[in-house]
Amino acid sequence: MSNSGNTFLYRGGTIILLSNHAVVYVISDSVGETAEFVVRAAVSQFEYTHLEIRRVPYVMDRETILETVQAAKEEKALIAFTLVLPEMQHFLTEEAIKAEVPYVDIMGPMMDGLSKLIQSEPKRKPGLIHKLDEEYFRKVEAIEFAVKYDDGRDPRGLLRADVVLIGVSRTSKTPLSMYLAHKRLKVANVPLVPEVEPPDELYLIPSERCVGLIIDPSQLNNIRKERLKALGLTSGANYASETRILEELEYAERIIRRVGCPRIDVTNKAVEETANIILDMKKGGYTR
């Protein structure tokens, strides 16, 4: 079949692009991003000059389907769809067959295959994949936030953070920030160093959004010695001295008391364990 120089060959349920222009209608009961992505990925395997994708999102009525099928027939276009409601799927395919319009059901075969594999029926709820996409993008945003506001780089981030971690060096502030970011929390952290006054923003945030990390001096001493070895430095440096560690921990205690935030002793705790405590705090709130 052909129209305005566009030539397609429809054979065995497959549409083959024979010229350099294609029109594809993407019909979805959600935003249609999934179907459009699949169409673009498939068309990249062909030599073409123009691909026009016309997305028809949030389709919940038969009238829209009829109009789209008619438009596709007039333009000799392909319909790609991700409709999860069986009645809408059947109506579209029946109308497309009547109008001799080629179509591709992108979601259906995969759902059927999974249904047989796991012996369970799909939910058949429109828009679920879009909700998953939103979760993914929130996670990415949180990770970018953790990187940007790591180690007190920009105190302005403290005011926008879901959680602010404070503590001396080597109390797992950065690993905790990244772990919580994967749980979609925006986390900033501030190192507490006696010679450096914490940023003013630290005292402007609600105390329940801040968490002080404390640790046993002996364990911190061992951790810092190992860190120095890894850097090829002598373990006798002031950074790992008992006197310096006690000074830093006492200073951190003063700041934590001033902020009035909850504290977690990270001694012998894995990052995951500490993170779960923080997540529980966020869910249940914190009462001093």
Protein backbone atom coordinates (compact mmCIF):
# COMPACT_ATOMS: atom_id res chain seq x y z
CA MET A 1 0.00 0.00 0.00
CA SER A 2 1.18 3.55 -0.64
CA ASN A 3 0.27 7.19 -0.01
CA SER A 4 2.13 10.39 -0.98
CA GLY A 5 5.26 8.42 -1.77
CA ASN A 6 5.08 6.40 1.44
CA THR A 7 5.18 2.69 0.76
CA PHE A 8 4.51 -0.09 3.25
CA LEU A 9 4.31 -3.82 2.90
CA TYR A 10 2.03 -5.54 5.40
CA ARG A 11 2.81 -9.21 5.65
CA GLY A 12 2.01 -11.76 8.35
CA GLY A 13 1.16 -9.18 10.98
CA THR A 14 4.32 -7.19 10.28
CA ILE A 15 4.57 -3.80 8.67
CA ILE A 16 7.75 -3.25 6.65
CA LEU A 17 8.88 0.26 5.84
CA LEU A 18 9.88 0.51 2.18
CA SER A 19 10.42 4.25 1.81
CA ASN A 20 11.89 7.10 3.85
CA HIS A 21 8.81 8.41 5.66
CA ALA A 22 6.56 6.85 8.26
CA VAL A 23 3.61 7.89 10.39
CA VAL A 24 2.84 5.98 13.57
CA TYR A 25 -0.07 6.62 15.90
CA VAL A 26 0.72 5.71 19.49
CA ILE A 27 -2.42 4.97 21.51
CA SER A 28 -2.16 4.56 25.27
CA ASP A 29 -4.34 4.66 28.37
CA SER A 30 -1.39 6.41 30.06
CA VAL A 31 1.08 8.95 28.66
CA GLY A 32 2.30 6.69 25.84
CA GLU A 33 6.01 6.98 26.57
CA THR A 34 6.58 3.23 26.58
CA ALA A 35 5.03 2.68 23.17
CA GLU A 36 6.84 5.66 21.68
CA PHE A 37 10.17 4.39 23.00
CA VAL A 38 9.60 0.96 21.44
CA VAL A 39 8.58 2.51 18.11
CA ARG A 40 11.68 4.70 17.98
CA ALA A 41 13.93 1.78 18.92
CA ALA A 42 12.42 -0.36 16.15
CA VAL A 43 12.55 2.33 13.48
CA SER A 44 16.22 2.97 14.23
CA GLN A 45 16.88 -0.33 12.47
CA PHE A 46 15.59 1.08 9.16
CA GLU A 47 16.90 3.63 6.70
CA TYR A 48 14.49 6.57 6.85
CA THR A 49 14.40 10.35 6.63
CA HIS A 50 11.31 11.24 8.63
CA LEU A 51 9.40 9.46 11.35
CA GLU A 52 6.31 11.18 12.65
CA ILE A 53 4.91 9.77 15.88
CA ARG A 54 1.50 11.07 16.88
CA ARG A 55 0.84 10.22 20.47
CA VAL A 56 -2.78 9.78 21.62
CA PRO A 57 -2.55 9.52 25.44
CA TYR A 58 -5.05 8.74 28.18
CA VAL A 59 -7.48 6.94 25.89
CA MET A 60 -10.47 5.73 27.89
CA ASP A 61 -13.30 5.98 25.34
CA ARG A 62 -14.19 4.24 22.09
CA GLU A 63 -14.80 7.46 20.19
CA THR A 64 -11.12 8.42 20.40
CA ILE A 65 -10.14 4.98 19.14
CA LEU A 66 -12.54 5.24 16.19
CA GLU A 67 -11.20 8.68 15.25
CA THR A 68 -7.59 7.50 15.47
CA VAL A 69 -8.22 4.37 13.42
CA GLN A 70 -9.92 6.45 10.73
CA ALA A 71 -7.02 8.94 10.66
CA ALA A 72 -4.52 6.07 10.43
CA LYS A 73 -6.51 4.54 7.54
CA GLU A 74 -6.48 7.81 5.60
CA GLU A 75 -2.73 8.25 6.08
CA LYS A 76 -1.92 4.56 5.73
CA ALA A 77 -0.20 4.74 9.08
CA LEU A 78 0.66 2.15 11.69
CA ILE A 79 -0.99 2.03 15.11
CA ALA A 80 1.08 0.99 18.14
CA PHE A 81 -0.77 0.71 21.41
CA THR A 82 -0.37 -0.04 25.10
CA LEU A 83 -3.93 -0.52 26.32
CA VAL A 84 -4.30 -2.75 29.36
CA LEU A 85 -8.10 -2.92 29.57
CA PRO A 86 -9.26 -5.98 27.56
CA GLU A 87 -12.41 -4.32 26.25
CA MET A 88 -10.43 -1.41 24.85
CA GLN A 89 -7.82 -3.74 23.34
CA HIS A 90 -10.49 -5.83 21.60
CA PHE A 91 -12.37 -2.78 20.33
CA LEU A 92 -9.21 -1.25 18.84
CA THR A 93 -8.07 -4.44 17.14
CA GLU A 94 -11.54 -5.14 15.73
CA GLU A 95 -11.84 -1.64 14.29
CA ALA A 96 -8.28 -1.73 12.93
CA ILE A 97 -8.97 -5.04 11.17
CA LYS A 98 -12.20 -3.66 9.69
CA ALA A 99 -10.37 -0.59 8.40
CA GLU A 100 -7.36 -2.67 7.25
CA VAL A 101 -5.07 -0.61 9.43
CA PRO A 102 -1.91 -2.41 10.64
CA TYR A 103 -1.40 -2.42 14.38
CA VAL A 104 1.05 -3.65 17.01
CA ASP A 105 0.01 -4.56 20.56
CA ILE A 106 3.15 -3.69 22.53
CA MET A 107 2.04 -4.63 26.04
CA GLY A 108 -0.36 -7.54 25.47
CA PRO A 109 2.01 -10.37 24.42
CA MET A 110 4.39 -9.65 27.30
CA MET A 111 1.57 -9.61 29.86
CA ASP A 112 0.22 -12.86 28.46
CA GLY A 113 3.66 -14.46 28.65
CA LEU A 114 4.24 -13.31 32.21
CA SER A 115 0.75 -14.41 33.23
CA LYS A 116 1.50 -17.94 32.06
CA LEU A 117 4.95 -17.92 33.63
CA ILE A 118 3.95 -16.80 37.12
CA GLN A 119 0.43 -18.23 37.05
CA SER A 120 -1.15 -14.92 37.96
CA GLU A 121 -3.49 -12.46 36.28
CA PRO A 122 -2.28 -8.90 35.58
CA LYS A 123 -3.82 -5.97 37.47
CA ARG A 124 -5.14 -4.35 34.27
CA LYS A 125 -4.77 -0.89 35.78
CA PRO A 126 -3.85 1.93 33.36
CA GLY A 127 -0.87 4.13 34.20
CA LEU A 128 1.07 1.79 36.49
CA ILE A 129 4.24 1.94 34.40
CA HIS A 130 4.12 5.72 34.50
CA LYS A 131 3.98 5.55 38.28
CA LEU A 132 7.10 3.38 38.18
CA ASP A 133 8.78 5.94 35.94
CA GLU A 134 8.00 8.67 38.47
CA GLU A 135 9.56 6.57 41.23
CA TYR A 136 12.67 6.08 39.10
CA PHE A 137 13.06 9.77 38.38
CA ARG A 138 12.60 10.64 42.05
CA LYS A 139 15.41 8.24 42.86
CA VAL A 140 17.69 9.80 40.23
CA GLU A 141 16.88 13.27 41.55
CA ALA A 142 17.70 12.18 45.11
CA ILE A 143 21.03 10.67 44.04
CA GLU A 144 21.99 13.84 42.20
CA PHE A 145 21.02 15.83 45.28
CA ALA A 146 23.21 13.67 47.54
CA VAL A 147 26.21 14.13 45.25
CA LYS A 148 25.70 17.88 44.96
CA TYR A 149 25.33 18.48 48.69
CA ASP A 150 27.84 15.96 49.98
CA ASP A 151 30.40 16.95 52.62
CA GLY A 152 28.92 20.42 53.21
CA ARG A 153 29.74 21.65 49.70
CA ASP A 154 26.76 23.99 49.45
CA PRO A 155 24.90 24.83 52.69
CA ARG A 156 21.86 26.03 50.72
CA GLY A 157 21.02 22.37 50.15
CA LEU A 158 20.37 21.89 53.87
CA LEU A 159 17.14 23.86 53.60
CA ARG A 160 15.86 21.60 50.81
CA ALA A 161 16.99 18.26 52.24
CA ASP A 162 14.68 15.60 53.64
CA VAL A 163 17.50 14.50 55.95
CA VAL A 164 20.69 16.25 57.04
CA LEU A 165 23.46 14.09 58.48
CA ILE A 166 26.08 15.63 60.75
CA GLY A 167 29.11 14.00 62.34
CA VAL A 168 32.88 13.82 62.38
CA SER A 169 34.91 12.35 59.54
CA ARG A 170 34.50 8.57 58.93
CA THR A 171 31.06 8.17 60.46
CA SER A 172 29.65 6.96 57.12
CA LYS A 173 27.90 10.21 56.19
CA THR A 174 28.47 9.85 52.44
CA PRO A 175 27.59 6.13 52.14
CA LEU A 176 24.47 6.78 54.22
CA SER A 177 23.51 9.70 51.99
CA MET A 178 23.75 7.55 48.87
CA TYR A 179 21.91 4.62 50.43
CA LEU A 180 19.03 6.86 51.53
CA ALA A 181 19.01 8.52 48.11
CA HIS A 182 18.20 5.12 46.61
CA LYS A 183 15.19 5.18 48.95
CA ARG A 184 14.23 8.49 47.26
CA LEU A 185 15.24 10.74 50.17
CA LYS A 186 17.14 13.93 49.46
CA VAL A 187 20.08 13.88 51.86
CA ALA A 188 22.76 16.46 52.60
CA ASN A 189 25.60 15.98 55.05
CA VAL A 190 27.88 18.28 56.98
CA PRO A 191 31.25 17.30 58.50
CA LEU A 192 31.81 18.57 62.02
CA VAL A 193 35.32 19.92 62.46
CA PRO A 194 36.35 21.99 65.54
CA GLU A 195 38.16 24.57 63.40
CA VAL A 196 35.17 25.14 61.10
CA GLU A 197 31.89 26.60 62.34
CA PRO A 198 28.85 24.80 60.89
CA PRO A 199 26.82 26.79 58.35
CA ASP A 200 24.00 28.98 59.68
CA GLU A 201 21.51 26.93 57.65
CA LEU A 202 22.06 23.98 59.99
CA TYR A 203 20.28 25.88 62.77
CA LEU A 204 17.40 26.95 60.53
CA ILE A 205 16.09 23.50 59.65
CA PRO A 206 13.65 21.61 61.89
CA SER A 207 15.62 19.48 64.34
CA GLU A 208 13.74 16.31 63.36
CA ARG A 209 15.14 16.57 59.85
CA CYS A 210 18.70 16.39 61.16
CA VAL A 211 20.51 13.29 62.46
CA GLY A 212 23.74 13.36 64.47
CA LEU A 213 26.09 10.42 63.97
CA ILE A 214 28.31 9.44 66.90
CA ILE A 215 30.83 6.63 67.25
CA ASP A 216 33.05 4.94 69.80
CA PRO A 217 36.48 6.67 69.89
CA SER A 218 38.43 3.39 69.72
CA GLN A 219 36.59 2.20 66.63
CA LEU A 220 36.97 5.60 64.97
CA ASN A 221 40.68 5.45 65.73
CA ASN A 222 40.99 2.08 63.98
CA ILE A 223 38.93 3.24 61.00
CA ARG A 224 41.04 6.34 60.54
CA LYS A 225 44.30 4.40 60.81
CA GLU A 226 43.13 2.06 58.08
CA ARG A 227 42.12 5.04 55.98
CA LEU A 228 45.59 6.56 56.33
CA LYS A 229 47.18 3.26 55.31
CA ALA A 230 45.00 3.13 52.23
CA LEU A 231 46.21 6.62 51.31
CA GLY A 232 49.83 5.59 51.88
CA LEU A 233 50.22 7.89 54.90
CA THR A 234 51.64 7.19 58.34
CA SER A 235 49.14 6.03 60.95
CA GLY A 236 50.72 8.44 63.44
CA ALA A 237 49.16 11.48 61.76
CA ASN A 238 47.10 13.81 63.94
CA TYR A 239 43.97 12.73 62.04
CA ALA A 240 44.10 9.34 63.77
CA SER A 241 45.46 10.40 67.16
CA GLU A 242 43.36 9.64 70.23
CA THR A 243 43.60 13.22 71.47
CA ARG A 244 42.37 14.64 68.17
CA ILE A 245 39.52 12.12 67.93
CA LEU A 246 38.27 12.91 71.43
CA GLU A 247 38.43 16.63 70.67
CA GLU A 248 36.36 16.16 67.52
CA LEU A 249 33.79 13.93 69.20
CA GLU A 250 33.31 16.37 72.08
CA TYR A 251 32.84 19.18 69.57
CA ALA A 252 30.33 17.10 67.60
CA GLU A 253 28.38 16.39 70.79
CA ARG A 254 28.10 20.14 71.48
CA ILE A 255 26.79 20.82 67.98
CA ILE A 256 24.30 17.94 68.12
CA ARG A 257 22.97 19.21 71.45
CA ARG A 258 22.70 22.74 70.07
CA VAL A 259 20.77 21.54 67.01
CA GLY A 260 18.59 19.38 69.24
CA CYS A 261 18.42 16.54 66.75
CA PRO A 262 18.24 12.78 67.31
CA ARG A 263 21.52 10.91 67.34
CA ILE A 264 22.54 7.46 66.21
CA ASP A 265 25.56 5.55 67.51
CA VAL A 266 27.04 4.01 64.35
CA THR A 267 29.60 1.95 66.25
CA ASN A 268 29.67 -1.56 64.74
CA LYS A 269 26.62 -0.74 62.61
CA ALA A 270 26.44 -1.46 58.89
CA VAL A 271 25.30 1.39 56.65
CA GLU A 272 22.08 -0.47 55.92
CA GLU A 273 21.31 -0.81 59.62
CA THR A 274 21.80 2.88 60.31
CA ALA A 275 19.79 3.79 57.22
CA ASN A 276 16.87 1.66 58.38
CA ILE A 277 16.87 3.46 61.73
CA ILE A 278 16.69 6.78 59.89
CA LEU A 279 13.89 5.50 57.65
CA ASP A 280 11.96 4.42 60.73
CA MET A 281 12.46 7.89 62.18
CA LYS A 282 11.06 9.43 59.02
CA LYS A 283 8.02 7.19 59.07
CA GLY A 284 7.18 7.53 62.74
CA GLY A 285 8.54 10.95 63.52
CA TYR A 286 10.94 11.83 66.28
CA THR A 287 10.02 12.85 69.80
CA ARG A 288 12.68 14.24 72.10
